Amino acid sequence: MSKNVGRALLLVLLTLPCISPLVAHGTNEAHVQKQPVRHIVVFKYKPGTTPEQIRQVTDAFRDLRTKIPGITAFEDGVNNSPEGKNLGFTHVYQMTFEDAAARDAYLPHPEHAKFGQLLGKLAIVADVFVVDYATGR
């Protein structure tokens, strides 16, 4: 056996204990599909947006929980981090869905579309970003 092949074999044998737990606990697509999904939406409102307008958006967002199946929780809040890294994004909305399928059904749902129309009508959102992730890993 050549010196390089021997080193390569030794490296593989030494790393197997590190790799095997990853393989054993690897992502199982069916398992991920059944995990709750968090849907985080963060708004940057335009200057001049009134508290009443923000309340109207927040209430409409919260009401989706009663109108769309699969939403198990809703939370909202205003950034209060002292770090100053929010880039002007101030209002956080978090929904929890039963699983990825419920989240996927929510996105094209007519009630979600109505919420989007409200945002368009009010024209108070300067920017938005969304992050989704499965929980329970």
Protein backbone atom coordinates (compact mmCIF):
# COMPACT_ATOMS: atom_id res chain seq x y z
CA MET A 1 0.00 0.00 0.00
CA SER A 2 1.39 3.40 -0.93
CA LYS A 3 2.07 5.99 1.75
CA ASN A 4 -0.63 8.37 0.38
CA VAL A 5 -3.29 5.66 0.23
CA GLY A 6 -2.45 4.64 3.78
CA ARG A 7 -2.82 8.23 4.99
CA ALA A 8 -6.11 8.61 3.17
CA LEU A 9 -7.43 5.38 4.69
CA LEU A 10 -6.32 6.51 8.16
CA LEU A 11 -8.06 9.87 7.67
CA VAL A 12 -11.30 8.13 6.67
CA LEU A 13 -11.13 5.80 9.66
CA LEU A 14 -10.48 8.69 12.05
CA THR A 15 -13.37 10.77 10.72
CA LEU A 16 -15.97 7.98 10.67
CA PRO A 17 -16.96 8.53 14.33
CA CYS A 18 -17.64 12.18 13.46
CA ILE A 19 -19.57 11.42 10.29
CA SER A 20 -21.67 8.47 11.46
CA PRO A 21 -23.84 10.51 13.91
CA LEU A 22 -24.58 12.95 11.09
CA VAL A 23 -25.67 10.12 8.84
CA ALA A 24 -27.67 8.47 11.62
CA HIS A 25 -29.45 11.75 12.39
CA GLY A 26 -29.53 13.03 8.84
CA THR A 27 -32.49 14.92 7.50
CA ASN A 28 -35.38 12.62 6.75
CA GLU A 29 -37.69 14.45 4.34
CA ALA A 30 -40.84 12.85 5.75
CA HIS A 31 -39.80 13.79 9.30
CA VAL A 32 -39.10 17.42 8.31
CA GLN A 33 -42.49 17.68 6.60
CA LYS A 34 -44.28 16.81 9.88
CA GLN A 35 -42.41 19.32 12.04
CA PRO A 36 -44.00 22.64 12.99
CA VAL A 37 -42.86 25.53 10.80
CA ARG A 38 -42.26 29.06 12.05
CA HIS A 39 -43.02 31.85 9.58
CA ILE A 40 -41.29 35.08 10.59
CA VAL A 41 -42.31 38.29 8.82
CA VAL A 42 -40.56 41.56 9.64
CA PHE A 43 -41.84 44.93 8.39
CA LYS A 44 -40.17 48.26 7.92
CA TYR A 45 -42.99 50.78 7.90
CA LYS A 46 -42.77 54.01 5.94
CA PRO A 47 -42.20 57.28 7.79
CA GLY A 48 -45.53 58.83 8.72
CA THR A 49 -47.27 55.50 9.29
CA THR A 50 -49.70 55.96 12.16
CA PRO A 51 -50.09 53.65 15.15
CA GLU A 52 -53.69 53.05 14.03
CA GLN A 53 -52.52 51.84 10.59
CA ILE A 54 -50.00 49.48 12.22
CA ARG A 55 -52.73 48.22 14.57
CA GLN A 56 -54.97 47.59 11.54
CA VAL A 57 -52.23 45.51 9.85
CA THR A 58 -51.42 43.64 13.06
CA ASP A 59 -55.08 42.82 13.74
CA ALA A 60 -55.61 41.62 10.16
CA PHE A 61 -52.47 39.48 10.36
CA ARG A 62 -53.57 38.00 13.70
CA ASP A 63 -57.06 37.26 12.34
CA LEU A 64 -55.58 34.94 9.70
CA ARG A 65 -55.18 32.37 12.46
CA THR A 66 -58.95 31.98 12.66
CA LYS A 67 -59.44 32.05 8.89
CA ILE A 68 -56.77 29.69 7.58
CA PRO A 69 -56.41 26.09 8.76
CA GLY A 70 -53.05 24.90 10.03
CA ILE A 71 -51.97 28.06 11.85
CA THR A 72 -51.41 27.05 15.46
CA ALA A 73 -49.97 30.25 16.92
CA PHE A 74 -49.42 33.94 16.21
CA GLU A 75 -47.17 36.42 17.99
CA ASP A 76 -46.19 39.98 17.23
CA GLY A 77 -43.90 42.53 18.73
CA VAL A 78 -41.85 45.66 18.20
CA ASN A 79 -38.07 45.56 18.02
CA ASN A 80 -36.46 46.64 21.28
CA SER A 81 -32.90 45.47 20.69
CA PRO A 82 -30.25 47.90 21.92
CA GLU A 83 -27.81 46.66 19.26
CA GLY A 84 -29.10 48.96 16.53
CA LYS A 85 -28.82 46.27 13.84
CA ASN A 86 -32.45 46.11 12.75
CA LEU A 87 -31.83 48.17 9.58
CA GLY A 88 -35.08 50.06 10.13
CA PHE A 89 -37.22 46.92 10.44
CA THR A 90 -39.37 47.39 13.49
CA HIS A 91 -42.38 45.07 13.64
CA VAL A 92 -42.10 41.28 13.88
CA TYR A 93 -44.92 38.85 13.17
CA GLN A 94 -44.49 35.14 13.84
CA MET A 95 -46.87 32.40 12.83
CA THR A 96 -46.49 28.76 13.66
CA PHE A 97 -47.90 26.23 11.23
CA GLU A 98 -48.65 22.57 11.94
CA ASP A 99 -46.14 21.61 9.27
CA ALA A 100 -44.69 22.67 5.91
CA ALA A 101 -47.85 21.54 4.10
CA ALA A 102 -49.99 23.92 6.18
CA ARG A 103 -47.55 26.77 5.45
CA ASP A 104 -47.62 25.93 1.76
CA ALA A 105 -51.44 25.97 1.76
CA TYR A 106 -51.44 29.35 3.55
CA LEU A 107 -49.34 31.14 0.94
CA PRO A 108 -51.92 31.02 -1.92
CA HIS A 109 -54.95 31.04 0.41
CA PRO A 110 -57.59 33.69 -0.52
CA GLU A 111 -57.53 35.16 3.02
CA HIS A 112 -53.76 35.62 2.77
CA ALA A 113 -54.33 37.34 -0.59
CA LYS A 114 -56.87 39.68 1.08
CA PHE A 115 -54.24 40.54 3.69
CA GLY A 116 -51.82 41.38 0.87
CA GLN A 117 -54.47 43.61 -0.70
CA LEU A 118 -54.88 45.47 2.58
CA LEU A 119 -51.13 46.09 2.69
CA GLY A 120 -51.24 47.35 -0.89
CA LYS A 121 -54.20 49.62 -0.17
CA LEU A 122 -52.59 51.14 2.92
CA ALA A 123 -49.22 51.47 1.13
CA ILE A 124 -47.37 51.83 4.43
CA VAL A 125 -44.79 49.02 4.20
CA ALA A 126 -41.39 50.25 3.00
CA ASP A 127 -39.81 46.79 3.05
CA VAL A 128 -40.36 43.28 4.35
CA PHE A 129 -38.38 40.12 4.83
CA VAL A 130 -39.54 36.61 5.58
CA VAL A 131 -37.78 33.64 7.16
CA ASP A 132 -39.31 30.21 7.62
CA TYR A 133 -37.82 27.27 9.48
CA ALA A 134 -38.88 23.86 10.77
CA THR A 135 -38.73 23.44 14.54
CA GLY A 136 -37.93 20.48 16.73
CA ARG A 137 -34.52 19.45 15.47
